[in-house]
Amino acid sequence: MSTPTSPDYDEIAAGYRFDYAKAKPNRFAEKMKSSPIVVILDEDVARIFKSTEQVNNALRALISAIPGASN
């Protein structure tokens, strides 16, 4: 069985050069200042909840139904 040859490093690196002149400010940076927690929803759940607000409202409703839970 032959082993595949790996491309030359310089050949690969050329494809990954970043043109900083074309860079744009991160439009999400302002939202990230409060260090939110990112949660990955399963596909079936994501089909129901289309926004962050919908997920948070559902979770808050669930929390309010738990005896002794507080915000």
N, C-alpha and C. Protein backbone atom coordinates (compact mmCIF):
# COMPACT_ATOMS: atom_id res chain seq x y z
N MET A 1 0.85 -1.17 0.00
CA MET A 1 0.00 0.00 0.00
C MET A 1 0.90 1.23 0.00
N SER A 2 0.64 2.14 -0.90
CA SER A 2 1.47 3.35 -0.96
C SER A 2 0.87 4.44 -0.07
N THR A 3 1.74 5.28 0.44
CA THR A 3 1.27 6.39 1.27
C THR A 3 1.15 7.64 0.43
N PRO A 4 0.09 8.41 0.64
CA PRO A 4 -0.07 9.63 -0.15
C PRO A 4 1.02 10.64 0.20
N THR A 5 1.45 11.37 -0.78
CA THR A 5 2.47 12.39 -0.53
C THR A 5 1.78 13.66 -0.07
N SER A 6 2.39 14.35 0.86
CA SER A 6 1.80 15.59 1.36
C SER A 6 2.29 16.76 0.51
N PRO A 7 1.40 17.72 0.26
CA PRO A 7 1.81 18.88 -0.54
C PRO A 7 2.88 19.69 0.19
N ASP A 8 3.64 20.42 -0.55
CA ASP A 8 4.68 21.26 0.01
C ASP A 8 4.05 22.32 0.93
N TYR A 9 4.68 22.60 2.07
CA TYR A 9 4.15 23.55 3.05
C TYR A 9 3.90 24.93 2.43
N ASP A 10 4.85 25.42 1.64
CA ASP A 10 4.69 26.74 1.03
C ASP A 10 3.49 26.79 0.09
N GLU A 11 3.24 25.68 -0.55
CA GLU A 11 2.10 25.61 -1.46
C GLU A 11 0.78 25.72 -0.68
N ILE A 12 0.69 25.08 0.47
CA ILE A 12 -0.50 25.14 1.31
C ILE A 12 -0.62 26.53 1.95
N ALA A 13 0.45 27.03 2.50
CA ALA A 13 0.43 28.31 3.21
C ALA A 13 -0.03 29.45 2.30
N ALA A 14 0.28 29.40 1.04
CA ALA A 14 -0.11 30.47 0.12
C ALA A 14 -1.62 30.61 0.05
N GLY A 15 -2.32 29.54 0.18
CA GLY A 15 -3.77 29.57 0.14
C GLY A 15 -4.41 30.12 1.38
N TYR A 16 -3.65 30.26 2.44
CA TYR A 16 -4.19 30.72 3.71
C TYR A 16 -3.70 32.11 4.10
N ARG A 17 -3.13 32.82 3.18
CA ARG A 17 -2.69 34.19 3.50
C ARG A 17 -3.90 35.08 3.59
N PHE A 18 -3.99 35.84 4.68
CA PHE A 18 -5.14 36.69 4.94
C PHE A 18 -4.85 38.12 4.51
N ASP A 19 -5.73 38.70 3.72
CA ASP A 19 -5.57 40.08 3.25
C ASP A 19 -6.26 41.00 4.25
N TYR A 20 -5.50 41.58 5.17
CA TYR A 20 -6.06 42.44 6.20
C TYR A 20 -6.66 43.72 5.64
N ALA A 21 -6.28 44.12 4.44
CA ALA A 21 -6.85 45.32 3.82
C ALA A 21 -8.33 45.12 3.51
N LYS A 22 -8.76 43.87 3.36
CA LYS A 22 -10.16 43.58 3.06
C LYS A 22 -10.97 43.24 4.31
N ALA A 23 -10.33 43.23 5.46
CA ALA A 23 -11.00 42.86 6.70
C ALA A 23 -12.03 43.91 7.10
N LYS A 24 -13.12 43.44 7.72
CA LYS A 24 -14.18 44.33 8.20
C LYS A 24 -14.31 44.17 9.70
N PRO A 25 -14.80 45.19 10.41
CA PRO A 25 -15.01 45.05 11.85
C PRO A 25 -16.00 43.93 12.14
N ASN A 26 -15.82 43.29 13.25
CA ASN A 26 -16.71 42.21 13.66
C ASN A 26 -18.05 42.80 14.07
N ARG A 27 -19.10 42.52 13.31
CA ARG A 27 -20.41 43.10 13.60
C ARG A 27 -21.05 42.50 14.85
N PHE A 28 -20.51 41.41 15.35
CA PHE A 28 -21.05 40.77 16.55
C PHE A 28 -20.26 41.11 17.81
N ALA A 29 -19.21 41.88 17.70
CA ALA A 29 -18.33 42.16 18.83
C ALA A 29 -19.06 42.83 19.98
N GLU A 30 -19.95 43.76 19.69
CA GLU A 30 -20.69 44.47 20.75
C GLU A 30 -21.54 43.51 21.57
N LYS A 31 -22.14 42.53 20.91
CA LYS A 31 -22.97 41.54 21.61
C LYS A 31 -22.14 40.60 22.47
N MET A 32 -20.87 40.43 22.14
CA MET A 32 -20.03 39.48 22.85
C MET A 32 -19.36 40.06 24.09
N LYS A 33 -19.55 41.34 24.37
CA LYS A 33 -18.88 41.96 25.52
C LYS A 33 -19.30 41.35 26.84
N SER A 34 -20.53 40.85 26.93
CA SER A 34 -21.00 40.28 28.19
C SER A 34 -20.63 38.81 28.34
N SER A 35 -19.79 38.30 27.45
CA SER A 35 -19.33 36.90 27.47
C SER A 35 -20.48 35.91 27.54
N PRO A 36 -21.32 35.87 26.50
CA PRO A 36 -22.43 34.92 26.52
C PRO A 36 -21.93 33.49 26.44
N ILE A 37 -22.77 32.58 26.86
CA ILE A 37 -22.47 31.16 26.77
C ILE A 37 -23.11 30.65 25.49
N VAL A 38 -22.37 29.93 24.70
CA VAL A 38 -22.87 29.39 23.44
C VAL A 38 -23.34 27.96 23.67
N VAL A 39 -24.54 27.67 23.23
CA VAL A 39 -25.11 26.34 23.36
C VAL A 39 -25.51 25.87 21.97
N ILE A 40 -25.16 24.64 21.63
CA ILE A 40 -25.53 24.08 20.34
C ILE A 40 -26.83 23.30 20.51
N LEU A 41 -27.85 23.71 19.75
CA LEU A 41 -29.14 23.03 19.82
C LEU A 41 -29.15 21.84 18.88
N ASP A 42 -29.82 20.79 19.30
CA ASP A 42 -30.03 19.66 18.39
C ASP A 42 -30.95 20.11 17.27
N GLU A 43 -30.85 19.44 16.14
CA GLU A 43 -31.57 19.84 14.93
C GLU A 43 -33.08 19.93 15.15
N ASP A 44 -33.65 18.97 15.88
CA ASP A 44 -35.10 18.99 16.10
C ASP A 44 -35.53 20.18 16.95
N VAL A 45 -34.71 20.57 17.90
CA VAL A 45 -35.01 21.73 18.74
C VAL A 45 -34.83 23.02 17.94
N ALA A 46 -33.78 23.09 17.14
CA ALA A 46 -33.51 24.28 16.34
C ALA A 46 -34.61 24.55 15.32
N ARG A 47 -35.33 23.51 14.89
CA ARG A 47 -36.44 23.72 13.96
C ARG A 47 -37.58 24.48 14.64
N ILE A 48 -37.70 24.37 15.94
CA ILE A 48 -38.78 25.02 16.69
C ILE A 48 -38.39 26.44 17.08
N PHE A 49 -37.20 26.59 17.63
CA PHE A 49 -36.74 27.89 18.13
C PHE A 49 -35.88 28.57 17.07
N LYS A 50 -36.36 29.68 16.54
CA LYS A 50 -35.68 30.37 15.45
C LYS A 50 -34.83 31.55 15.91
N SER A 51 -34.89 31.89 17.20
CA SER A 51 -34.12 33.05 17.68
C SER A 51 -33.64 32.82 19.10
N THR A 52 -32.67 33.61 19.48
CA THR A 52 -32.14 33.59 20.85
C THR A 52 -33.25 33.92 21.84
N GLU A 53 -34.07 34.91 21.50
CA GLU A 53 -35.14 35.34 22.40
C GLU A 53 -36.13 34.20 22.66
N GLN A 54 -36.48 33.44 21.63
CA GLN A 54 -37.40 32.32 21.80
C GLN A 54 -36.83 31.26 22.74
N VAL A 55 -35.58 30.96 22.59
CA VAL A 55 -34.93 29.96 23.45
C VAL A 55 -34.89 30.47 24.89
N ASN A 56 -34.46 31.71 25.07
CA ASN A 56 -34.38 32.27 26.42
C ASN A 56 -35.75 32.34 27.09
N ASN A 57 -36.80 32.73 26.35
CA ASN A 57 -38.15 32.79 26.92
C ASN A 57 -38.62 31.42 27.36
N ALA A 58 -38.36 30.40 26.54
CA ALA A 58 -38.75 29.03 26.90
C ALA A 58 -38.00 28.55 28.14
N LEU A 59 -36.72 28.84 28.20
CA LEU A 59 -35.94 28.43 29.37
C LEU A 59 -36.37 29.17 30.63
N ARG A 60 -36.67 30.46 30.50
CA ARG A 60 -37.16 31.22 31.66
C ARG A 60 -38.49 30.67 32.17
N ALA A 61 -39.38 30.27 31.25
CA ALA A 61 -40.65 29.67 31.64
C ALA A 61 -40.41 28.36 32.38
N LEU A 62 -39.48 27.58 31.90
CA LEU A 62 -39.13 26.32 32.55
C LEU A 62 -38.55 26.58 33.95
N ILE A 63 -37.67 27.56 34.05
CA ILE A 63 -37.07 27.89 35.35
C ILE A 63 -38.13 28.33 36.34
N SER A 64 -39.11 29.12 35.87
CA SER A 64 -40.15 29.59 36.79
C SER A 64 -41.03 28.45 37.29
N ALA A 65 -41.06 27.33 36.56
CA ALA A 65 -41.87 26.17 36.98
C ALA A 65 -41.11 25.27 37.95
N ILE A 66 -39.84 25.50 38.14
CA ILE A 66 -39.04 24.68 39.04
C ILE A 66 -39.12 25.27 40.45
N PRO A 67 -39.65 24.50 41.41
CA PRO A 67 -39.73 25.01 42.79
C PRO A 67 -38.36 25.35 43.35
N GLY A 68 -38.22 26.53 43.91
CA GLY A 68 -36.97 26.94 44.53
C GLY A 68 -35.95 27.52 43.59
N ALA A 69 -36.25 27.53 42.32
CA ALA A 69 -35.29 28.11 41.36
C ALA A 69 -35.45 29.62 41.37
N SER A 70 -34.33 30.31 41.26
CA SER A 70 -34.39 31.77 41.23
C SER A 70 -33.48 32.27 40.13
N ASN A 71 -33.75 33.47 39.66
CA ASN A 71 -32.95 34.06 38.58
C ASN A 71 -31.72 34.70 39.15
